[in-house]
Amino acid sequence: MKKDAPHPPVPDSRSDDHSLPESYQTVSVPHAKAGFWRQWLAFSGPAILISVGYMDPGNWGTDLAAGAQFKFGLLWVVALASFMGVILQVLSARLGVATGKDLAQCSRDFYPRWMRWPNWLTMELAVIATDLAEALGSAVALNLLFHIPIPWAIVITAFDVLLLLSLQGMGMRMIEAVVSVFVLTIGVCYGIEIFVLPQTQPAFADMAAALVSPDLRQAGMMVVAIGIIGATVMPHNLFLHSALVQSRKFGRDDNSIRTAIKFNTVDAAVALSIAFLVNAAILVLAATVFYGKQSVVVAGGQAVAFTPDSDWIRIAHLTLAPLLGTTAASTLFAVALLASGQSSTITGTLAGQVVMEGFMNWRIRPWLRRMISRLLAVVPAIVIVGVRGSGGITDLLNLSQVLLCMILPFAMFPLLQFTSSRKIMGQWRNGWPLLILGWTSAILITAMDLYSLPESLKEAWRIIVGR
């Protein structure tokens, strides 16, 4: 007689035993035998929140630099990074559905007790680095749209906690809806810039050729490619996704778990495909507008030079209008940047709550948690920008990406270890396809991180000492 495959431990049903208890099992889902579209609609949402981390302000600088310097040559890297992101996010969702625990709780429960503090502090650093990039992106957008001085714009971003607090009181579905509007805003802005404005009609044949012919032979390509991958897969997203999937109220029987895994996989694939299209659009816009140019003259006769070290976010805003012949181009760019920063802020805050509650089982008021995290990010930013001026923004964004790149393996490998374990996952552990794709992605990303580590540390030291 065949022995049944073991099941993972059945989680306690009390919401206060879970991260994000205010949203735990608050979204009803139809029966496992309901129609495809009804079930997909019910399960869709968590991956939309995750997807904003794949198109946050940290991605913009690397995508713009890639397009401006190498045209479509690194478009395949954007696709590869997005594919690896889908694999890792599918594993994260699978962990949350099968075990009823998020990645932080699994690390707390299945690793030695002495690892709890270093693991928590490492991931808190990742949350702060993410928060820094989001605050700077929103601040730059406010400066570009309303000419608010950067230090004051950074201060204003600290009060976006009020937005999240008001949304949390309305439920997880409302948070998902608002973030979906932000994502739609980004997509519409870039859709107009690429497909409506006549000067930016993309060369689809060249783009397709770049996707199917990987190349890193040009000088500087490897550095930008590593930056793209480092800015795409975010450590905090691996923790957040495993918690967000538990907002759905599904049963613990095999059919219900199988259905939840299936539709969260679909949700991740669709949402991160949208994120890929946004990142590709940013690269394509830069390739179409900036590639092959050394400088451009803006209003007032000022010449803006293009160099590999340029602040591409600010340059894009300054030069899109004269290059495309319409002020709408620059305005759309800034609006999309603001939407990117604000949507990432919401998910970054939720990730910080998951990390603290999961690792340490500490529960503090969301507004207090939010303000502590944001102050740890914006106070250094205000000081550095105040001392160095707006030139310090690029340095800070680079520093945040360096930190995230170094921390990412500490999230990927526990995720792979847990989801590959029969003891933890039972019959829902990774099969061979996910096993191979997951470990290959993690090893490739880690190898690229190690390759770039000396240069990254050198860059981080330069930023810290101000040279």
Protein backbone atom coordinates (compact mmCIF):
# COMPACT_ATOMS: atom_id res chain seq x y z
CA MET A 1 0.00 0.00 0.00
CA LYS A 2 1.39 3.38 -1.04
CA LYS A 3 2.21 5.70 1.83
CA ASP A 4 0.67 9.18 1.60
CA ALA A 5 3.08 12.08 1.13
CA PRO A 6 3.52 14.04 4.34
CA HIS A 7 1.73 17.33 4.73
CA PRO A 8 3.35 20.49 6.05
CA PRO A 9 2.45 21.52 9.59
CA VAL A 10 -1.07 22.92 9.75
CA PRO A 11 -0.83 26.56 10.88
CA ASP A 12 -2.72 27.92 13.82
CA SER A 13 -5.85 29.65 12.59
CA ARG A 14 -5.62 32.63 14.94
CA SER A 15 -4.80 35.80 12.99
CA ASP A 16 -2.63 37.22 15.77
CA ASP A 17 -0.15 34.35 15.20
CA HIS A 18 0.58 35.67 11.71
CA SER A 19 2.33 38.68 10.22
CA LEU A 20 -0.04 41.37 8.97
CA PRO A 21 -2.78 40.06 11.29
CA GLU A 22 -5.16 42.84 10.25
CA SER A 23 -5.34 41.34 6.75
CA TYR A 24 -4.96 37.62 7.51
CA GLN A 25 -7.69 35.59 5.73
CA THR A 26 -9.81 38.69 5.12
CA VAL A 27 -10.37 38.11 1.39
CA SER A 28 -12.83 35.34 0.55
CA VAL A 29 -12.21 33.03 -2.40
CA PRO A 30 -14.70 30.82 -4.26
CA HIS A 31 -14.77 27.05 -3.98
CA ALA A 32 -11.89 25.20 -5.62
CA LYS A 33 -14.29 23.94 -8.32
CA ALA A 34 -15.47 27.44 -9.30
CA GLY A 35 -14.67 28.83 -12.75
CA PHE A 36 -11.17 29.95 -13.74
CA TRP A 37 -11.95 33.66 -14.01
CA ARG A 38 -13.79 33.85 -10.69
CA GLN A 39 -10.91 32.19 -8.90
CA TRP A 40 -8.25 34.25 -10.64
CA LEU A 41 -10.07 37.47 -9.75
CA ALA A 42 -10.23 36.40 -6.11
CA PHE A 43 -6.57 35.37 -5.86
CA SER A 44 -5.12 38.20 -7.97
CA GLY A 45 -3.67 41.13 -6.04
CA PRO A 46 -0.68 40.06 -3.92
CA ALA A 47 1.61 39.86 -6.95
CA ILE A 48 0.52 43.34 -8.08
CA LEU A 49 1.84 44.67 -4.76
CA ILE A 50 5.04 42.72 -5.33
CA SER A 51 5.44 43.92 -8.91
CA VAL A 52 5.96 47.55 -7.90
CA GLY A 53 9.28 46.54 -6.33
CA TYR A 54 10.34 45.44 -9.82
CA MET A 55 9.74 48.90 -11.28
CA ASP A 56 10.61 51.17 -8.35
CA PRO A 57 12.90 54.24 -8.69
CA GLY A 58 15.95 52.03 -8.19
CA ASN A 59 15.16 50.31 -11.51
CA TRP A 60 14.72 53.54 -13.40
CA GLY A 61 18.34 54.67 -13.23
CA THR A 62 19.73 51.32 -14.45
CA ASP A 63 17.14 50.95 -17.24
CA LEU A 64 17.71 54.51 -18.45
CA ALA A 65 21.49 54.08 -18.37
CA ALA A 66 21.24 50.77 -20.26
CA GLY A 67 19.14 52.24 -23.05
CA ALA A 68 21.14 55.45 -23.36
CA GLN A 69 24.53 53.72 -23.50
CA PHE A 70 23.81 50.43 -25.29
CA LYS A 71 20.50 50.98 -27.11
CA PHE A 72 18.62 47.63 -27.00
CA GLY A 73 21.76 45.62 -26.18
CA LEU A 74 20.74 44.90 -22.58
CA LEU A 75 17.04 44.31 -23.17
CA TRP A 76 17.68 40.57 -22.78
CA VAL A 77 19.09 41.23 -19.28
CA VAL A 78 15.84 42.95 -18.29
CA ALA A 79 13.94 39.89 -19.57
CA LEU A 80 16.27 37.48 -17.76
CA ALA A 81 16.04 39.41 -14.48
CA SER A 82 12.23 39.45 -14.75
CA PHE A 83 12.13 35.69 -15.45
CA MET A 84 14.31 34.93 -12.43
CA GLY A 85 12.09 37.23 -10.40
CA VAL A 86 9.00 35.25 -11.43
CA ILE A 87 10.64 31.99 -10.31
CA LEU A 88 11.63 33.37 -6.89
CA GLN A 89 8.26 35.03 -6.29
CA VAL A 90 6.42 31.82 -7.24
CA LEU A 91 8.52 30.01 -4.61
CA SER A 92 7.72 32.71 -2.03
CA ALA A 93 3.98 32.45 -2.67
CA ARG A 94 4.21 28.65 -2.59
CA LEU A 95 5.88 28.76 0.83
CA GLY A 96 3.18 31.00 2.28
CA VAL A 97 0.31 28.93 0.89
CA ALA A 98 1.66 25.50 1.82
CA THR A 99 2.97 26.24 5.31
CA GLY A 100 0.77 29.12 6.46
CA LYS A 101 4.00 30.90 7.46
CA ASP A 102 5.90 33.70 5.78
CA LEU A 103 9.63 33.50 5.04
CA ALA A 104 10.56 35.40 8.21
CA GLN A 105 8.50 33.06 10.39
CA CYS A 106 10.06 30.01 8.73
CA SER A 107 13.53 31.42 9.38
CA ARG A 108 12.55 32.01 13.02
CA ASP A 109 11.05 28.54 13.48
CA PHE A 110 13.42 26.34 11.46
CA TYR A 111 16.82 27.96 12.00
CA PRO A 112 18.82 27.99 15.26
CA ARG A 113 17.66 30.59 17.75
CA TRP A 114 20.99 32.49 17.63
CA MET A 115 20.39 33.33 13.95
CA ARG A 116 17.22 35.30 14.68
CA TRP A 117 18.85 38.66 15.51
CA PRO A 118 21.40 38.79 12.66
CA ASN A 119 18.76 37.65 10.15
CA TRP A 120 16.31 40.27 11.36
CA LEU A 121 18.84 43.11 11.38
CA THR A 122 20.05 42.19 7.89
CA MET A 123 16.53 42.31 6.48
CA GLU A 124 15.76 45.54 8.35
CA LEU A 125 18.76 47.03 6.55
CA ALA A 126 17.26 45.85 3.26
CA VAL A 127 13.93 47.49 4.13
CA ILE A 128 15.69 50.76 5.01
CA ALA A 129 17.70 50.67 1.76
CA THR A 130 14.49 50.10 -0.18
CA ASP A 131 12.76 52.90 1.72
CA LEU A 132 15.66 55.21 0.87
CA ALA A 133 15.29 54.60 -2.87
CA GLU A 134 11.51 55.07 -2.67
CA ALA A 135 11.80 58.31 -0.69
CA LEU A 136 14.38 59.72 -3.10
CA GLY A 137 12.32 58.76 -6.14
CA SER A 138 9.19 60.42 -4.76
CA ALA A 139 11.20 63.48 -3.67
CA VAL A 140 12.75 63.89 -7.12
CA ALA A 141 9.28 63.59 -8.70
CA LEU A 142 7.88 66.26 -6.37
CA ASN A 143 10.84 68.49 -7.21
CA LEU A 144 10.37 68.01 -10.94
CA LEU A 145 6.61 68.52 -10.87
CA PHE A 146 6.25 71.31 -8.29
CA HIS A 147 9.82 72.68 -7.93
CA ILE A 148 9.88 71.83 -4.22
CA PRO A 149 13.49 71.88 -2.94
CA ILE A 150 14.82 68.32 -2.60
CA PRO A 151 15.39 68.42 1.21
CA TRP A 152 11.81 69.60 1.79
CA ALA A 153 10.48 67.08 -0.73
CA ILE A 154 12.24 64.31 1.20
CA VAL A 155 10.60 65.56 4.42
CA ILE A 156 7.19 65.53 2.72
CA THR A 157 7.65 61.89 1.72
CA ALA A 158 7.90 61.00 5.42
CA PHE A 159 4.22 61.81 5.79
CA ASP A 160 3.02 59.34 3.20
CA VAL A 161 2.48 57.08 6.21
CA LEU A 162 -0.95 58.72 6.39
CA LEU A 163 -1.82 57.23 2.99
CA LEU A 164 -0.98 53.69 4.09
CA LEU A 165 -2.73 54.02 7.45
CA SER A 166 -5.94 55.18 5.79
CA LEU A 167 -5.76 52.31 3.30
CA GLN A 168 -5.08 49.65 5.93
CA GLY A 169 -8.32 50.57 7.64
CA MET A 170 -10.19 49.84 4.39
CA GLY A 171 -8.80 46.33 3.92
CA MET A 172 -6.29 44.53 1.72
CA ARG A 173 -8.46 44.76 -1.38
CA MET A 174 -8.38 48.57 -1.17
CA ILE A 175 -4.57 48.58 -0.87
CA GLU A 176 -4.37 46.30 -3.91
CA ALA A 177 -6.74 48.56 -5.84
CA VAL A 178 -4.77 51.73 -5.08
CA VAL A 179 -1.45 50.13 -6.02
CA SER A 180 -3.07 48.81 -9.21
CA VAL A 181 -4.02 52.41 -10.09
CA PHE A 182 -0.40 53.50 -9.52
CA VAL A 183 0.85 50.67 -11.75
CA LEU A 184 -1.73 51.58 -14.40
CA THR A 185 -0.58 55.21 -14.21
CA ILE A 186 3.01 54.19 -14.87
CA GLY A 187 1.96 51.96 -17.76
CA VAL A 188 -0.26 54.61 -19.37
CA CYS A 189 2.44 57.30 -19.10
CA TYR A 190 5.00 55.12 -20.84
CA GLY A 191 2.45 53.84 -23.33
CA ILE A 192 1.75 57.43 -24.40
CA GLU A 193 5.44 58.33 -24.59
CA ILE A 194 6.37 55.32 -26.70
CA PHE A 195 3.31 54.63 -28.85
CA VAL A 196 1.54 58.02 -29.12
CA LEU A 197 4.37 60.54 -29.45
CA PRO A 198 5.56 60.24 -33.09
CA GLN A 199 9.27 60.74 -32.28
CA THR A 200 9.53 57.55 -30.22
CA GLN A 201 8.05 54.85 -32.42
CA PRO A 202 10.03 51.76 -31.33
CA ALA A 203 12.00 49.54 -33.73
CA PHE A 204 10.39 46.19 -32.92
CA ALA A 205 12.68 44.20 -35.21
CA ASP A 206 15.79 45.54 -33.46
CA MET A 207 14.25 44.86 -30.06
CA ALA A 208 13.40 41.26 -30.98
CA ALA A 209 16.93 40.71 -32.29
CA ALA A 210 18.41 42.03 -29.03
CA LEU A 211 16.21 39.71 -26.97
CA VAL A 212 17.35 36.56 -28.76
CA SER A 213 21.07 37.44 -29.11
CA PRO A 214 22.58 37.99 -25.65
CA ASP A 215 25.77 40.04 -25.72
CA LEU A 216 28.03 41.57 -23.04
CA ARG A 217 31.04 42.35 -25.22
CA GLN A 218 30.89 46.14 -25.14
CA ALA A 219 32.88 47.91 -22.43
CA GLY A 220 30.75 48.74 -19.42
CA MET A 221 27.93 46.35 -20.32
CA MET A 222 28.63 43.91 -17.46
CA VAL A 223 28.48 46.64 -14.82
CA VAL A 224 25.11 47.94 -16.04
CA ALA A 225 23.78 44.37 -16.43
CA ILE A 226 24.63 43.58 -12.82
CA GLY A 227 22.92 46.82 -11.80
CA ILE A 228 19.75 45.81 -13.66
CA ILE A 229 19.60 42.41 -11.95
CA GLY A 230 20.45 43.89 -8.56
CA ALA A 231 17.70 46.49 -8.90
CA THR A 232 15.09 44.00 -10.13
CA VAL A 233 15.00 41.14 -7.60
CA MET A 234 14.43 42.69 -4.16
CA PRO A 235 15.00 40.80 -0.87
CA HIS A 236 12.04 42.35 0.94
CA ASN A 237 9.66 41.11 -1.79
CA LEU A 238 10.53 37.49 -1.02
CA PHE A 239 9.37 38.02 2.56
CA LEU A 240 6.33 40.12 1.69
CA HIS A 241 4.85 37.80 -0.95
CA SER A 242 4.81 34.81 1.42
CA ALA A 243 2.74 36.89 3.86
CA LEU A 244 0.39 38.57 1.38
CA VAL A 245 -0.90 35.28 -0.07
CA GLN A 246 -2.29 34.47 3.38
CA SER A 247 -4.79 37.32 3.06
CA ARG A 248 -6.91 34.87 1.04
CA LYS A 249 -9.30 32.68 3.03
CA PHE A 250 -8.79 29.27 1.46
CA GLY A 251 -9.10 25.84 3.07
CA ARG A 252 -6.29 23.58 4.23
CA ASP A 253 -7.40 20.53 2.23
CA ASP A 254 -5.32 19.37 -0.73
CA ASN A 255 -7.63 20.75 -3.43
CA SER A 256 -7.77 24.19 -1.84
CA ILE A 257 -3.99 24.40 -1.37
CA ARG A 258 -3.38 23.16 -4.92
CA THR A 259 -5.80 25.78 -6.26
CA ALA A 260 -4.19 28.56 -4.20
CA ILE A 261 -0.71 27.62 -5.43
CA LYS A 262 -1.93 27.48 -9.03
CA PHE A 263 -3.59 30.89 -9.04
CA ASN A 264 -0.85 32.63 -7.07
CA THR A 265 1.58 31.28 -9.69
CA VAL A 266 -0.59 32.75 -12.45
CA ASP A 267 -0.88 36.00 -10.50
CA ALA A 268 2.92 36.26 -10.18
CA ALA A 269 3.54 35.48 -13.84
CA VAL A 270 1.03 38.08 -15.08
CA ALA A 271 2.00 40.86 -12.64
CA LEU A 272 5.74 40.49 -13.19
CA SER A 273 5.21 40.34 -16.95
CA ILE A 274 3.62 43.78 -16.62
CA ALA A 275 6.64 44.91 -14.60
CA PHE A 276 8.92 43.60 -17.35
CA LEU A 277 7.00 45.59 -19.97
CA VAL A 278 7.38 48.76 -17.86
CA ASN A 279 11.12 48.22 -17.40
CA ALA A 280 11.50 47.41 -21.08
CA ALA A 281 9.58 50.59 -21.94
CA ILE A 282 11.96 52.68 -19.79
CA LEU A 283 14.97 51.16 -21.57
CA VAL A 284 13.37 51.52 -25.00
CA LEU A 285 12.50 55.18 -24.36
CA ALA A 286 16.10 55.92 -23.35
CA ALA A 287 17.46 53.97 -26.33
CA THR A 288 15.19 55.79 -28.75
CA VAL A 289 15.78 59.29 -27.37
CA PHE A 290 19.31 59.32 -25.95
CA TYR A 291 21.37 56.63 -27.71
CA GLY A 292 24.08 58.06 -29.98
CA LYS A 293 23.83 61.57 -28.54
CA GLN A 294 26.57 63.26 -26.50
CA SER A 295 24.50 66.18 -25.21
CA VAL A 296 21.33 68.17 -25.74
CA VAL A 297 20.49 71.87 -25.41
CA VAL A 298 17.55 72.58 -23.08
CA ALA A 299 15.49 75.72 -22.50
CA GLY A 300 17.69 78.72 -21.76
CA GLY A 301 20.53 77.51 -23.96
CA GLN A 302 22.05 75.20 -21.32
CA ALA A 303 23.85 72.14 -22.72
CA VAL A 304 23.31 68.88 -20.81
CA ALA A 305 26.08 66.35 -21.45
CA PHE A 306 25.49 62.58 -21.40
CA THR A 307 28.12 60.48 -19.61
CA PRO A 308 28.08 56.98 -18.05
CA ASP A 309 28.00 58.63 -14.61
CA SER A 310 25.05 60.92 -15.39
CA ASP A 311 21.98 61.21 -13.17
CA TRP A 312 19.75 59.69 -15.82
CA ILE A 313 16.49 60.27 -13.97
CA ARG A 314 17.05 64.04 -13.83
CA ILE A 315 18.55 64.16 -17.32
CA ALA A 316 15.54 62.33 -18.73
CA HIS A 317 13.18 64.89 -17.23
CA LEU A 318 15.25 67.84 -18.44
CA THR A 319 15.78 66.59 -21.96
CA LEU A 320 12.66 64.65 -22.96
CA ALA A 321 10.71 67.83 -23.66
CA PRO A 322 13.22 69.45 -26.07
CA LEU A 323 14.12 66.13 -27.69
CA LEU A 324 10.50 65.09 -28.27
CA GLY A 325 9.15 68.57 -28.89
CA THR A 326 6.48 68.57 -26.19
CA THR A 327 6.45 69.43 -22.48
CA ALA A 328 3.99 66.57 -21.94
CA ALA A 329 6.89 64.10 -22.28
CA SER A 330 8.69 65.43 -19.21
CA THR A 331 5.46 65.76 -17.23
CA LEU A 332 4.41 62.18 -17.98
CA PHE A 333 7.86 60.98 -16.93
CA ALA A 334 7.64 62.79 -13.57
CA VAL A 335 4.07 61.59 -12.90
CA ALA A 336 5.12 58.00 -13.57
CA LEU A 337 8.11 58.42 -11.24
CA LEU A 338 5.86 59.74 -8.46
CA ALA A 339 3.46 56.82 -8.93
CA SER A 340 6.42 54.44 -8.79
CA GLY A 341 7.76 55.92 -5.56
CA GLN A 342 4.40 56.01 -3.80
CA SER A 343 3.36 52.49 -4.75
CA SER A 344 6.76 51.15 -3.65
CA THR A 345 6.40 53.02 -0.37
CA ILE A 346 3.21 51.12 0.45
CA THR A 347 4.75 47.71 -0.19
CA GLY A 348 8.00 48.62 1.55
CA THR A 349 6.08 49.51 4.69
CA LEU A 350 4.18 46.23 4.65
CA ALA A 351 7.46 44.34 4.13
CA GLY A 352 8.97 46.04 7.17
CA GLN A 353 6.01 44.93 9.26
CA VAL A 354 6.37 41.34 8.00
CA VAL A 355 10.09 41.26 8.79
CA MET A 356 9.71 42.57 12.34
CA GLU A 357 6.66 40.49 13.24
CA GLY A 358 7.94 37.36 11.53
CA PHE A 359 11.49 37.25 12.89
CA MET A 360 10.96 38.75 16.34
CA ASN A 361 7.21 38.35 16.95
CA TRP A 362 7.14 42.02 17.97
CA ARG A 363 3.99 43.97 17.25
CA ILE A 364 3.98 47.74 17.35
CA ARG A 365 1.50 50.21 15.94
CA PRO A 366 1.80 50.44 12.13
CA TRP A 367 2.23 54.23 12.15
CA LEU A 368 5.09 53.98 14.65
CA ARG A 369 6.75 51.19 12.68
CA ARG A 370 6.36 53.28 9.52
CA MET A 371 7.82 56.44 11.01
CA ILE A 372 10.83 54.64 12.52
CA SER A 373 11.65 52.97 9.19
CA ARG A 374 11.19 56.14 7.17
CA LEU A 375 13.19 58.33 9.58
CA LEU A 376 16.10 55.88 9.46
CA ALA A 377 16.04 56.31 5.68
CA VAL A 378 15.32 60.01 5.22
CA VAL A 379 17.46 61.58 7.97
CA PRO A 380 20.75 60.45 6.37
CA ALA A 381 19.32 61.41 2.97
CA ILE A 382 18.48 64.95 4.13
CA VAL A 383 21.96 65.35 5.65
CA ILE A 384 23.81 64.13 2.55
CA VAL A 385 21.65 66.08 0.10
CA GLY A 386 21.99 69.17 2.31
CA VAL A 387 25.79 68.87 2.25
CA ARG A 388 26.32 67.79 -1.36
CA GLY A 389 23.25 69.16 -3.09
CA SER A 390 21.16 67.26 -5.63
CA GLY A 391 24.26 65.43 -6.86
CA GLY A 392 24.09 63.31 -3.72
CA ILE A 393 20.80 61.75 -4.86
CA THR A 394 22.45 59.55 -7.47
CA ASP A 395 25.06 58.45 -4.93
CA LEU A 396 22.37 57.52 -2.42
CA LEU A 397 20.37 55.57 -5.00
CA ASN A 398 23.54 53.71 -5.98
CA LEU A 399 24.29 52.97 -2.33
CA SER A 400 20.82 51.57 -1.75
CA GLN A 401 21.21 49.23 -4.73
CA VAL A 402 24.65 48.10 -3.52
CA LEU A 403 23.18 47.19 -0.12
CA LEU A 404 20.25 45.32 -1.65
CA CYS A 405 22.55 43.43 -4.00
CA MET A 406 24.69 42.25 -1.06
CA ILE A 407 21.72 41.26 1.09
CA LEU A 408 19.70 39.40 -1.58
CA PRO A 409 21.43 35.98 -1.18
CA PHE A 410 20.45 35.96 2.53
CA ALA A 411 16.81 35.90 1.39
CA MET A 412 17.09 33.67 -1.68
CA PHE A 413 18.89 30.68 -0.19
CA PRO A 414 16.64 30.24 2.88
CA LEU A 415 13.63 30.48 0.55
CA LEU A 416 15.03 27.74 -1.67
CA GLN A 417 16.02 25.59 1.29
CA PHE A 418 12.57 25.77 2.87
CA THR A 419 10.59 25.22 -0.33
CA SER A 420 12.78 22.23 -1.25
CA SER A 421 12.26 20.55 2.14
CA ARG A 422 9.82 17.64 2.43
CA LYS A 423 9.65 18.16 6.20
CA ILE A 424 8.53 21.79 5.85
CA MET A 425 6.52 21.70 2.61
CA GLY A 426 5.28 18.11 2.53
CA GLN A 427 3.92 17.15 -0.87
CA TRP A 428 4.10 20.78 -1.99
CA ARG A 429 7.90 20.95 -1.97
CA ASN A 430 9.62 22.03 -5.19
CA GLY A 431 9.54 19.60 -8.09
CA TRP A 432 12.55 19.21 -10.38
CA PRO A 433 11.67 22.09 -12.75
CA LEU A 434 11.30 24.63 -9.91
CA LEU A 435 14.27 23.11 -8.11
CA ILE A 436 16.56 23.57 -11.12
CA LEU A 437 15.24 27.00 -12.14
CA GLY A 438 15.24 28.30 -8.55
CA TRP A 439 18.76 27.23 -7.63
CA THR A 440 20.12 28.29 -11.03
CA SER A 441 18.61 31.76 -10.61
CA ALA A 442 19.92 32.14 -7.06
CA ILE A 443 23.42 30.92 -7.96
CA LEU A 444 23.60 33.15 -11.06
CA ILE A 445 22.47 36.23 -9.15
CA THR A 446 24.89 35.49 -6.30
CA ALA A 447 27.78 34.94 -8.76
CA MET A 448 27.10 38.30 -10.39
CA ASP A 449 26.89 39.92 -6.95
CA LEU A 450 30.27 38.45 -5.98
CA TYR A 451 31.77 39.54 -9.30
CA SER A 452 30.67 43.11 -8.69
CA LEU A 453 31.35 43.11 -4.94
CA PRO A 454 34.82 44.74 -5.02
CA GLU A 455 33.59 47.56 -7.24
CA SER A 456 30.38 47.87 -5.20
CA LEU A 457 32.29 48.17 -1.93
CA LYS A 458 34.61 50.72 -3.48
CA GLU A 459 31.61 52.74 -4.68
CA ALA A 460 29.90 52.49 -1.30
CA TRP A 461 33.04 53.72 0.48
CA ARG A 462 33.36 56.63 -1.96
CA ILE A 463 29.77 57.65 -1.26
CA ILE A 464 30.16 57.35 2.51
CA VAL A 465 33.37 59.40 2.73
CA GLY A 466 32.14 61.88 0.14
CA ARG A 467 34.98 61.65 -2.41
